[in-house]
Amino acid sequence: MAFNIALLDIIACPLCKGRLKLDKPNQQLICTFDRLAYPVKQDIPVLLSSESRELSLQEIEPWLS
């Protein structure tokens, strides 16, 4: 079973409550406002700030459009 993209309509960044974008190749959810990536493990999003990683400007730039 793959990550259900319909979840993107109801889940939000736990810090800013903003929309998340799916980075399918890297299995992560991106918050462009906080510049954070949340992992998707075994098709389940891990929306814990302790599990997130900060994105560099180069990594976040493609997601800003």
PDB file of N, CA and C in Angstrom:
ATOM      1  N   MET A   1       0.845  -1.188   0.000  1.00  0.00           N
ATOM      2  CA  MET A   1       0.000   0.000   0.000  1.00  0.00           C
ATOM      3  C   MET A   1       0.883   1.241   0.000  1.00  0.00           C
ATOM      4  N   ALA A   2       0.590   2.194  -0.835  1.00  0.00           N
ATOM      5  CA  ALA A   2       1.371   3.418  -0.949  1.00  0.00           C
ATOM      6  C   ALA A   2       0.741   4.535  -0.121  1.00  0.00           C
ATOM      7  N   PHE A   3       1.527   5.575   0.102  1.00  0.00           N
ATOM      8  CA  PHE A   3       1.035   6.738   0.836  1.00  0.00           C
ATOM      9  C   PHE A   3      -0.178   7.315   0.106  1.00  0.00           C
ATOM     10  N   ASN A   4      -1.235   7.543   0.816  1.00  0.00           N
ATOM     11  CA  ASN A   4      -2.477   8.059   0.248  1.00  0.00           C
ATOM     12  C   ASN A   4      -2.364   9.583   0.116  1.00  0.00           C
ATOM     13  N   ILE A   5      -2.253  10.079  -1.120  1.00  0.00           N
ATOM     14  CA  ILE A   5      -2.060  11.514  -1.316  1.00  0.00           C
ATOM     15  C   ILE A   5      -3.283  12.340  -0.915  1.00  0.00           C
ATOM     16  N   ALA A   6      -4.427  11.702  -0.752  1.00  0.00           N
ATOM     17  CA  ALA A   6      -5.615  12.420  -0.270  1.00  0.00           C
ATOM     18  C   ALA A   6      -5.393  12.943   1.154  1.00  0.00           C
ATOM     19  N   LEU A   7      -4.460  12.331   1.872  1.00  0.00           N
ATOM     20  CA  LEU A   7      -4.132  12.807   3.219  1.00  0.00           C
ATOM     21  C   LEU A   7      -3.570  14.227   3.215  1.00  0.00           C
ATOM     22  N   LEU A   8      -2.978  14.633   2.106  1.00  0.00           N
ATOM     23  CA  LEU A   8      -2.401  15.978   2.028  1.00  0.00           C
ATOM     24  C   LEU A   8      -3.450  17.068   2.216  1.00  0.00           C
ATOM     25  N   ASP A   9      -4.721  16.739   1.993  1.00  0.00           N
ATOM     26  CA  ASP A   9      -5.797  17.709   2.187  1.00  0.00           C
ATOM     27  C   ASP A   9      -6.159  17.890   3.652  1.00  0.00           C
ATOM     28  N   ILE A  10      -5.785  16.933   4.500  1.00  0.00           N
ATOM     29  CA  ILE A  10      -6.212  17.024   5.905  1.00  0.00           C
ATOM     30  C   ILE A  10      -5.068  17.103   6.909  1.00  0.00           C
ATOM     31  N   ILE A  11      -3.850  16.729   6.519  1.00  0.00           N
ATOM     32  CA  ILE A  11      -2.737  16.855   7.458  1.00  0.00           C
ATOM     33  C   ILE A  11      -2.024  18.178   7.240  1.00  0.00           C
ATOM     34  N   ALA A  12      -1.312  18.629   8.257  1.00  0.00           N
ATOM     35  CA  ALA A  12      -0.623  19.910   8.188  1.00  0.00           C
ATOM     36  C   ALA A  12       0.692  19.820   8.952  1.00  0.00           C
ATOM     37  N   CYS A  13       1.545  20.781   8.712  1.00  0.00           N
ATOM     38  CA  CYS A  13       2.795  20.881   9.451  1.00  0.00           C
ATOM     39  C   CYS A  13       2.461  21.073  10.935  1.00  0.00           C
ATOM     40  N   PRO A  14       3.060  20.295  11.809  1.00  0.00           N
ATOM     41  CA  PRO A  14       2.742  20.427  13.229  1.00  0.00           C
ATOM     42  C   PRO A  14       3.224  21.737  13.849  1.00  0.00           C
ATOM     43  N   LEU A  15       4.148  22.416  13.197  1.00  0.00           N
ATOM     44  CA  LEU A  15       4.665  23.675  13.752  1.00  0.00           C
ATOM     45  C   LEU A  15       3.867  24.890  13.298  1.00  0.00           C
ATOM     46  N   CYS A  16       3.720  25.054  11.978  1.00  0.00           N
ATOM     47  CA  CYS A  16       3.065  26.261  11.463  1.00  0.00           C
ATOM     48  C   CYS A  16       1.625  26.015  11.008  1.00  0.00           C
ATOM     49  N   LYS A  17       1.211  24.759  10.966  1.00  0.00           N
ATOM     50  CA  LYS A  17      -0.130  24.345  10.517  1.00  0.00           C
ATOM     51  C   LYS A  17      -0.351  24.581   9.026  1.00  0.00           C
ATOM     52  N   GLY A  18       0.737  24.752   8.278  1.00  0.00           N
ATOM     53  CA  GLY A  18       0.646  24.982   6.837  1.00  0.00           C
ATOM     54  C   GLY A  18       0.540  23.686   6.054  1.00  0.00           C
ATOM     55  N   ARG A  19       0.258  23.818   4.766  1.00  0.00           N
ATOM     56  CA  ARG A  19       0.136  22.655   3.868  1.00  0.00           C
ATOM     57  C   ARG A  19       1.493  21.999   3.660  1.00  0.00           C
ATOM     58  N   LEU A  20       1.452  20.713   3.467  1.00  0.00           N
ATOM     59  CA  LEU A  20       2.656  19.941   3.191  1.00  0.00           C
ATOM     60  C   LEU A  20       2.625  19.465   1.748  1.00  0.00           C
ATOM     61  N   LYS A  21       3.812  19.301   1.174  1.00  0.00           N
ATOM     62  CA  LYS A  21       3.940  18.806  -0.189  1.00  0.00           C
ATOM     63  C   LYS A  21       4.670  17.474  -0.148  1.00  0.00           C
ATOM     64  N   LEU A  22       4.252  16.555  -0.998  1.00  0.00           N
ATOM     65  CA  LEU A  22       4.840  15.224  -1.027  1.00  0.00           C
ATOM     66  C   LEU A  22       6.048  15.184  -1.948  1.00  0.00           C
ATOM     67  N   ASP A  23       7.171  14.793  -1.397  1.00  0.00           N
ATOM     68  CA  ASP A  23       8.386  14.532  -2.166  1.00  0.00           C
ATOM     69  C   ASP A  23       8.470  13.009  -2.296  1.00  0.00           C
ATOM     70  N   LYS A  24       7.821  12.496  -3.324  1.00  0.00           N
ATOM     71  CA  LYS A  24       7.665  11.049  -3.488  1.00  0.00           C
ATOM     72  C   LYS A  24       9.006  10.318  -3.628  1.00  0.00           C
ATOM     73  N   PRO A  25       9.939  10.809  -4.446  1.00  0.00           N
ATOM     74  CA  PRO A  25      11.207  10.070  -4.608  1.00  0.00           C
ATOM     75  C   PRO A  25      11.991   9.927  -3.298  1.00  0.00           C
ATOM     76  N   ASN A  26      11.910  10.928  -2.438  1.00  0.00           N
ATOM     77  CA  ASN A  26      12.655  10.887  -1.181  1.00  0.00           C
ATOM     78  C   ASN A  26      11.811  10.450   0.005  1.00  0.00           C
ATOM     79  N   GLN A  27      10.553  10.089  -0.250  1.00  0.00           N
ATOM     80  CA  GLN A  27       9.641   9.628   0.798  1.00  0.00           C
ATOM     81  C   GLN A  27       9.627  10.580   1.995  1.00  0.00           C
ATOM     82  N   GLN A  28       9.229  11.839   1.713  1.00  0.00           N
ATOM     83  CA  GLN A  28       9.137  12.836   2.766  1.00  0.00           C
ATOM     84  C   GLN A  28       8.084  13.870   2.426  1.00  0.00           C
ATOM     85  N   LEU A  29       7.613  14.546   3.455  1.00  0.00           N
ATOM     86  CA  LEU A  29       6.665  15.641   3.298  1.00  0.00           C
ATOM     87  C   LEU A  29       7.410  16.935   3.573  1.00  0.00           C
ATOM     88  N   ILE A  30       7.182  17.937   2.730  1.00  0.00           N
ATOM     89  CA  ILE A  30       7.917  19.188   2.781  1.00  0.00           C
ATOM     90  C   ILE A  30       7.031  20.319   3.286  1.00  0.00           C
ATOM     91  N   CYS A  31       7.533  21.060   4.272  1.00  0.00           N
ATOM     92  CA  CYS A  31       6.904  22.312   4.705  1.00  0.00           C
ATOM     93  C   CYS A  31       7.792  23.438   4.195  1.00  0.00           C
ATOM     94  N   THR A  32       7.300  24.189   3.213  1.00  0.00           N
ATOM     95  CA  THR A  32       8.118  25.249   2.626  1.00  0.00           C
ATOM     96  C   THR A  32       8.263  26.438   3.557  1.00  0.00           C
ATOM     97  N   PHE A  33       7.287  26.681   4.423  1.00  0.00           N
ATOM     98  CA  PHE A  33       7.361  27.825   5.332  1.00  0.00           C
ATOM     99  C   PHE A  33       8.463  27.626   6.372  1.00  0.00           C
ATOM    100  N   ASP A  34       8.491  26.462   7.003  1.00  0.00           N
ATOM    101  CA  ASP A  34       9.490  26.172   8.038  1.00  0.00           C
ATOM    102  C   ASP A  34      10.774  25.571   7.481  1.00  0.00           C
ATOM    103  N   ARG A  35      10.776  25.245   6.176  1.00  0.00           N
ATOM    104  CA  ARG A  35      11.917  24.603   5.526  1.00  0.00           C
ATOM    105  C   ARG A  35      12.283  23.299   6.227  1.00  0.00           C
ATOM    106  N   LEU A  36      11.251  22.467   6.446  1.00  0.00           N
ATOM    107  CA  LEU A  36      11.452  21.184   7.110  1.00  0.00           C
ATOM    108  C   LEU A  36      10.951  20.048   6.229  1.00  0.00           C
ATOM    109  N   ALA A  37      11.578  18.900   6.397  1.00  0.00           N
ATOM    110  CA  ALA A  37      11.149  17.678   5.724  1.00  0.00           C
ATOM    111  C   ALA A  37      10.801  16.650   6.787  1.00  0.00           C
ATOM    112  N   TYR A  38       9.600  16.090   6.678  1.00  0.00           N
ATOM    113  CA  TYR A  38       9.133  15.051   7.595  1.00  0.00           C
ATOM    114  C   TYR A  38       9.164  13.722   6.855  1.00  0.00           C
ATOM    115  N   PRO A  39       9.742  12.696   7.456  1.00  0.00           N
ATOM    116  CA  PRO A  39       9.835  11.412   6.759  1.00  0.00           C
ATOM    117  C   PRO A  39       8.488  10.704   6.642  1.00  0.00           C
ATOM    118  N   VAL A  40       8.392   9.873   5.606  1.00  0.00           N
ATOM    119  CA  VAL A  40       7.257   8.962   5.439  1.00  0.00           C
ATOM    120  C   VAL A  40       7.858   7.566   5.541  1.00  0.00           C
ATOM    121  N   LYS A  41       7.541   6.880   6.638  1.00  0.00           N
ATOM    122  CA  LYS A  41       8.100   5.555   6.891  1.00  0.00           C
ATOM    123  C   LYS A  41       7.006   4.501   6.771  1.00  0.00           C
ATOM    124  N   GLN A  42       7.242   3.538   5.934  1.00  0.00           N
ATOM    125  CA  GLN A  42       6.272   2.475   5.665  1.00  0.00           C
ATOM    126  C   GLN A  42       4.898   3.057   5.333  1.00  0.00           C
ATOM    127  N   ASP A  43       4.907   4.096   4.494  1.00  0.00           N
ATOM    128  CA  ASP A  43       3.707   4.783   4.004  1.00  0.00           C
ATOM    129  C   ASP A  43       2.952   5.556   5.083  1.00  0.00           C
ATOM    130  N   ILE A  44       3.589   5.809   6.219  1.00  0.00           N
ATOM    131  CA  ILE A  44       2.970   6.565   7.309  1.00  0.00           C
ATOM    132  C   ILE A  44       3.791   7.828   7.555  1.00  0.00           C
ATOM    133  N   PRO A  45       3.167   9.016   7.468  1.00  0.00           N
ATOM    134  CA  PRO A  45       3.910  10.249   7.726  1.00  0.00           C
ATOM    135  C   PRO A  45       4.268  10.372   9.209  1.00  0.00           C
ATOM    136  N   VAL A  46       5.515  10.705   9.474  1.00  0.00           N
ATOM    137  CA  VAL A  46       5.990  10.898  10.843  1.00  0.00           C
ATOM    138  C   VAL A  46       6.077  12.411  11.069  1.00  0.00           C
ATOM    139  N   LEU A  47       5.019  12.973  11.640  1.00  0.00           N
ATOM    140  CA  LEU A  47       4.928  14.427  11.798  1.00  0.00           C
ATOM    141  C   LEU A  47       5.371  14.864  13.187  1.00  0.00           C
ATOM    142  N   LEU A  48       6.567  14.473  13.549  1.00  0.00           N
ATOM    143  CA  LEU A  48       7.173  14.873  14.816  1.00  0.00           C
ATOM    144  C   LEU A  48       8.333  15.804  14.514  1.00  0.00           C
ATOM    145  N   SER A  49       8.389  16.938  15.199  1.00  0.00           N
ATOM    146  CA  SER A  49       9.472  17.887  14.932  1.00  0.00           C
ATOM    147  C   SER A  49      10.837  17.264  15.235  1.00  0.00           C
ATOM    148  N   SER A  50      10.882  16.334  16.175  1.00  0.00           N
ATOM    149  CA  SER A  50      12.147  15.668  16.493  1.00  0.00           C
ATOM    150  C   SER A  50      12.621  14.749  15.364  1.00  0.00           C
ATOM    151  N   GLU A  51      11.715  14.326  14.494  1.00  0.00           N
ATOM    152  CA  GLU A  51      12.056  13.454  13.366  1.00  0.00           C
ATOM    153  C   GLU A  51      12.289  14.244  12.074  1.00  0.00           C
ATOM    154  N   SER A  52      11.973  15.530  12.082  1.00  0.00           N
ATOM    155  CA  SER A  52      12.119  16.334  10.867  1.00  0.00           C
ATOM    156  C   SER A  52      13.580  16.716  10.659  1.00  0.00           C
ATOM    157  N   ARG A  53      13.870  17.144   9.445  1.00  0.00           N
ATOM    158  CA  ARG A  53      15.209  17.675   9.170  1.00  0.00           C
ATOM    159  C   ARG A  53      15.061  18.997   8.432  1.00  0.00           C
ATOM    160  N   GLU A  54      15.984  19.889   8.702  1.00  0.00           N
ATOM    161  CA  GLU A  54      15.954  21.206   8.070  1.00  0.00           C
ATOM    162  C   GLU A  54      16.476  21.095   6.642  1.00  0.00           C
ATOM    163  N   LEU A  55      15.812  21.799   5.740  1.00  0.00           N
ATOM    164  CA  LEU A  55      16.197  21.790   4.336  1.00  0.00           C
ATOM    165  C   LEU A  55      17.048  23.009   4.014  1.00  0.00           C
ATOM    166  N   SER A  56      18.033  22.811   3.161  1.00  0.00           N
ATOM    167  CA  SER A  56      18.850  23.928   2.702  1.00  0.00           C
ATOM    168  C   SER A  56      18.062  24.746   1.684  1.00  0.00           C
ATOM    169  N   LEU A  57      18.554  25.922   1.363  1.00  0.00           N
ATOM    170  CA  LEU A  57      17.892  26.765   0.368  1.00  0.00           C
ATOM    171  C   LEU A  57      17.841  26.072  -0.995  1.00  0.00           C
ATOM    172  N   GLN A  58      18.889  25.322  -1.331  1.00  0.00           N
ATOM    173  CA  GLN A  58      18.916  24.607  -2.608  1.00  0.00           C
ATOM    174  C   GLN A  58      17.863  23.508  -2.631  1.00  0.00           C
ATOM    175  N   GLU A  59      17.646  22.839  -1.513  1.00  0.00           N
ATOM    176  CA  GLU A  59      16.673  21.751  -1.459  1.00  0.00           C
ATOM    177  C   GLU A  59      15.240  22.278  -1.502  1.00  0.00           C
ATOM    178  N   ILE A  60      14.992  23.427  -0.914  1.00  0.00           N
ATOM    179  CA  ILE A  60      13.623  23.960  -0.811  1.00  0.00           C
ATOM    180  C   ILE A  60      13.214  24.740  -2.057  1.00  0.00           C
ATOM    181  N   GLU A  61      14.163  25.248  -2.801  1.00  0.00           N
ATOM    182  CA  GLU A  61      13.858  26.109  -3.959  1.00  0.00           C
ATOM    183  C   GLU A  61      12.886  25.481  -4.956  1.00  0.00           C
ATOM    184  N   PRO A  62      13.047  24.209  -5.349  1.00  0.00           N
ATOM    185  CA  PRO A  62      12.077  23.639  -6.316  1.00  0.00           C
ATOM    186  C   PRO A  62      10.649  23.554  -5.780  1.00  0.00           C
ATOM    187  N   TRP A  63      10.459  23.581  -4.496  1.00  0.00           N
ATOM    188  CA  TRP A  63       9.136  23.426  -3.895  1.00  0.00           C
ATOM    189  C   TRP A  63       8.410  24.760  -3.697  1.00  0.00           C
ATOM    190  N   LEU A  64       9.083  25.862  -3.970  1.00  0.00           N
ATOM    191  CA  LEU A  64       8.492  27.174  -3.718  1.00  0.00           C
ATOM    192  C   LEU A  64       7.516  27.623  -4.777  1.00  0.00           C
ATOM    193  N   SER A  65       7.435  26.949  -5.883  1.00  0.00           N
ATOM    194  CA  SER A  65       6.503  27.365  -6.938  1.00  0.00           C
ATOM    195  C   SER A  65       5.120  26.824  -6.735  1.00  0.00           C
TER     196      SER A  65
END
